[in-house]
Amino acid sequence: MSAEKQVEIEIREACLFLREEHPTLPSETIQFMLDASLAKLKNESRIKIYWFDAWDRDGKMSSIPIEALGVLSAEAIFKNKYPDLAYDKPF
């Protein structure tokens, strides 16, 4: 699954959570938030591939691609996915 598709699923889940947990919020407001979020995702955000030069404790090096909306997101994903690897700043 692509990063953009994953973000879309999370947006939809967040709106569903709002509908279920906050019934006092007007349905029109939640729908507006959903539509605006999906439109922004489709029109303005560009998923990029960030490459990390990484190495393990034995010094074995590799380049690892991470799909993300920005460099900070890419670093967070990398740290979560590969906690035992050291890396240089992504490019």
C-alpha atoms as a PDB file:
ATOM      1  CA  MET A   1       0.000   0.000   0.000  1.00  0.00           C
ATOM      2  CA  SER A   2       1.330   3.428  -0.908  1.00  0.00           C
ATOM      3  CA  ALA A   3       1.896   6.110   1.694  1.00  0.00           C
ATOM      4  CA  GLU A   4      -0.773   8.324   0.109  1.00  0.00           C
ATOM      5  CA  LYS A   5      -3.367   5.527   0.320  1.00  0.00           C
ATOM      6  CA  GLN A   6      -2.414   4.902   3.958  1.00  0.00           C
ATOM      7  CA  VAL A   7      -2.899   8.595   4.795  1.00  0.00           C
ATOM      8  CA  GLU A   8      -6.303   8.548   3.082  1.00  0.00           C
ATOM      9  CA  ILE A   9      -7.370   5.544   5.173  1.00  0.00           C
ATOM     10  CA  GLU A  10      -6.222   7.294   8.363  1.00  0.00           C
ATOM     11  CA  ILE A  11      -8.164  10.450   7.453  1.00  0.00           C
ATOM     12  CA  ARG A  12     -11.312   8.400   6.923  1.00  0.00           C
ATOM     13  CA  GLU A  13     -10.780   6.539  10.208  1.00  0.00           C
ATOM     14  CA  ALA A  14     -10.326   9.847  12.054  1.00  0.00           C
ATOM     15  CA  CYS A  15     -13.629  11.162  10.684  1.00  0.00           C
ATOM     16  CA  LEU A  16     -15.359   7.922  11.618  1.00  0.00           C
ATOM     17  CA  PHE A  17     -13.944   8.258  15.135  1.00  0.00           C
ATOM     18  CA  LEU A  18     -15.324  11.807  15.344  1.00  0.00           C
ATOM     19  CA  ARG A  19     -18.769  10.630  14.232  1.00  0.00           C
ATOM     20  CA  GLU A  20     -18.847   7.834  16.806  1.00  0.00           C
ATOM     21  CA  GLU A  21     -17.206   9.536  19.780  1.00  0.00           C
ATOM     22  CA  HIS A  22     -18.539  13.081  19.370  1.00  0.00           C
ATOM     23  CA  PRO A  23     -22.184  12.807  18.307  1.00  0.00           C
ATOM     24  CA  THR A  24     -22.770  16.495  19.077  1.00  0.00           C
ATOM     25  CA  LEU A  25     -20.585  17.545  16.132  1.00  0.00           C
ATOM     26  CA  PRO A  26     -22.803  18.251  13.135  1.00  0.00           C
ATOM     27  CA  SER A  27     -22.510  15.672  10.386  1.00  0.00           C
ATOM     28  CA  GLU A  28     -22.018  18.456   7.830  1.00  0.00           C
ATOM     29  CA  THR A  29     -18.944  19.702   9.714  1.00  0.00           C
ATOM     30  CA  ILE A  30     -17.363  16.261   9.775  1.00  0.00           C
ATOM     31  CA  GLN A  31     -18.133  15.742   6.088  1.00  0.00           C
ATOM     32  CA  PHE A  32     -16.588  19.132   5.282  1.00  0.00           C
ATOM     33  CA  MET A  33     -13.450  18.169   7.224  1.00  0.00           C
ATOM     34  CA  LEU A  34     -13.261  14.852   5.375  1.00  0.00           C
ATOM     35  CA  ASP A  35     -13.734  16.433   1.949  1.00  0.00           C
ATOM     36  CA  ALA A  36     -11.214  19.211   2.631  1.00  0.00           C
ATOM     37  CA  SER A  37      -8.612  16.790   3.977  1.00  0.00           C
ATOM     38  CA  LEU A  38      -8.939  14.422   1.029  1.00  0.00           C
ATOM     39  CA  ALA A  39      -8.821  17.310  -1.460  1.00  0.00           C
ATOM     40  CA  LYS A  40      -5.639  18.644   0.140  1.00  0.00           C
ATOM     41  CA  LEU A  41      -4.086  15.201   0.089  1.00  0.00           C
ATOM     42  CA  LYS A  42      -4.909  14.684  -3.583  1.00  0.00           C
ATOM     43  CA  ASN A  43      -4.093  18.182  -4.861  1.00  0.00           C
ATOM     44  CA  GLU A  44      -1.329  19.627  -2.763  1.00  0.00           C
ATOM     45  CA  SER A  45       0.650  16.933  -1.068  1.00  0.00           C
ATOM     46  CA  ARG A  46       3.228  15.029  -2.961  1.00  0.00           C
ATOM     47  CA  ILE A  47       4.545  11.815  -1.556  1.00  0.00           C
ATOM     48  CA  LYS A  48       8.290  11.642  -2.033  1.00  0.00           C
ATOM     49  CA  ILE A  49      10.792   8.868  -1.682  1.00  0.00           C
ATOM     50  CA  TYR A  50      13.595   9.676   0.735  1.00  0.00           C
ATOM     51  CA  TRP A  51      16.738   7.548   0.642  1.00  0.00           C
ATOM     52  CA  PHE A  52      18.641   6.710   3.803  1.00  0.00           C
ATOM     53  CA  ASP A  53      22.237   5.524   3.757  1.00  0.00           C
ATOM     54  CA  ALA A  54      22.125   3.197   6.745  1.00  0.00           C
ATOM     55  CA  TRP A  55      24.445   0.748   8.434  1.00  0.00           C
ATOM     56  CA  ASP A  56      24.147  -1.905  11.093  1.00  0.00           C
ATOM     57  CA  ARG A  57      26.409  -2.646  14.060  1.00  0.00           C
ATOM     58  CA  ASP A  58      28.710  -4.733  11.861  1.00  0.00           C
ATOM     59  CA  GLY A  59      29.244  -1.825   9.469  1.00  0.00           C
ATOM     60  CA  LYS A  60      27.192  -3.334   6.654  1.00  0.00           C
ATOM     61  CA  MET A  61      25.812  -0.425   4.641  1.00  0.00           C
ATOM     62  CA  SER A  62      22.677  -0.180   2.518  1.00  0.00           C
ATOM     63  CA  SER A  63      20.401   2.433   0.981  1.00  0.00           C
ATOM     64  CA  ILE A  64      16.801   2.224   2.163  1.00  0.00           C
ATOM     65  CA  PRO A  65      13.887   4.074   0.512  1.00  0.00           C
ATOM     66  CA  ILE A  66      11.059   5.501   2.658  1.00  0.00           C
ATOM     67  CA  GLU A  67       7.858   7.012   1.207  1.00  0.00           C
ATOM     68  CA  ALA A  68       6.674  10.060   3.161  1.00  0.00           C
ATOM     69  CA  LEU A  69       5.159  13.536   2.886  1.00  0.00           C
ATOM     70  CA  GLY A  70       8.249  15.242   4.272  1.00  0.00           C
ATOM     71  CA  VAL A  71      11.732  14.665   5.607  1.00  0.00           C
ATOM     72  CA  LEU A  72      10.636  14.707   9.269  1.00  0.00           C
ATOM     73  CA  SER A  73       7.977  12.095   8.564  1.00  0.00           C
ATOM     74  CA  ALA A  74      10.516   9.996   6.681  1.00  0.00           C
ATOM     75  CA  GLU A  75      12.938  10.107   9.623  1.00  0.00           C
ATOM     76  CA  ALA A  76      10.186   9.101  12.069  1.00  0.00           C
ATOM     77  CA  ILE A  77       9.130   6.192   9.857  1.00  0.00           C
ATOM     78  CA  PHE A  78      12.758   5.085   9.446  1.00  0.00           C
ATOM     79  CA  LYS A  79      13.443   5.198  13.216  1.00  0.00           C
ATOM     80  CA  ASN A  80      10.270   3.206  13.891  1.00  0.00           C
ATOM     81  CA  LYS A  81      10.925   0.613  11.177  1.00  0.00           C
ATOM     82  CA  TYR A  82      14.677   0.212  11.688  1.00  0.00           C
ATOM     83  CA  PRO A  83      15.477   1.075  15.314  1.00  0.00           C
ATOM     84  CA  ASP A  84      18.843  -0.732  15.300  1.00  0.00           C
ATOM     85  CA  LEU A  85      20.285   1.019  12.249  1.00  0.00           C
ATOM     86  CA  ALA A  86      22.323   4.208  12.208  1.00  0.00           C
ATOM     87  CA  TYR A  87      21.804   6.543   9.248  1.00  0.00           C
ATOM     88  CA  ASP A  88      22.846   9.755   7.564  1.00  0.00           C
ATOM     89  CA  LYS A  89      20.340  12.487   6.794  1.00  0.00           C
ATOM     90  CA  PRO A  90      17.994  11.385   4.013  1.00  0.00           C
ATOM     91  CA  PHE A  91      18.224  12.696   0.484  1.00  0.00           C
END
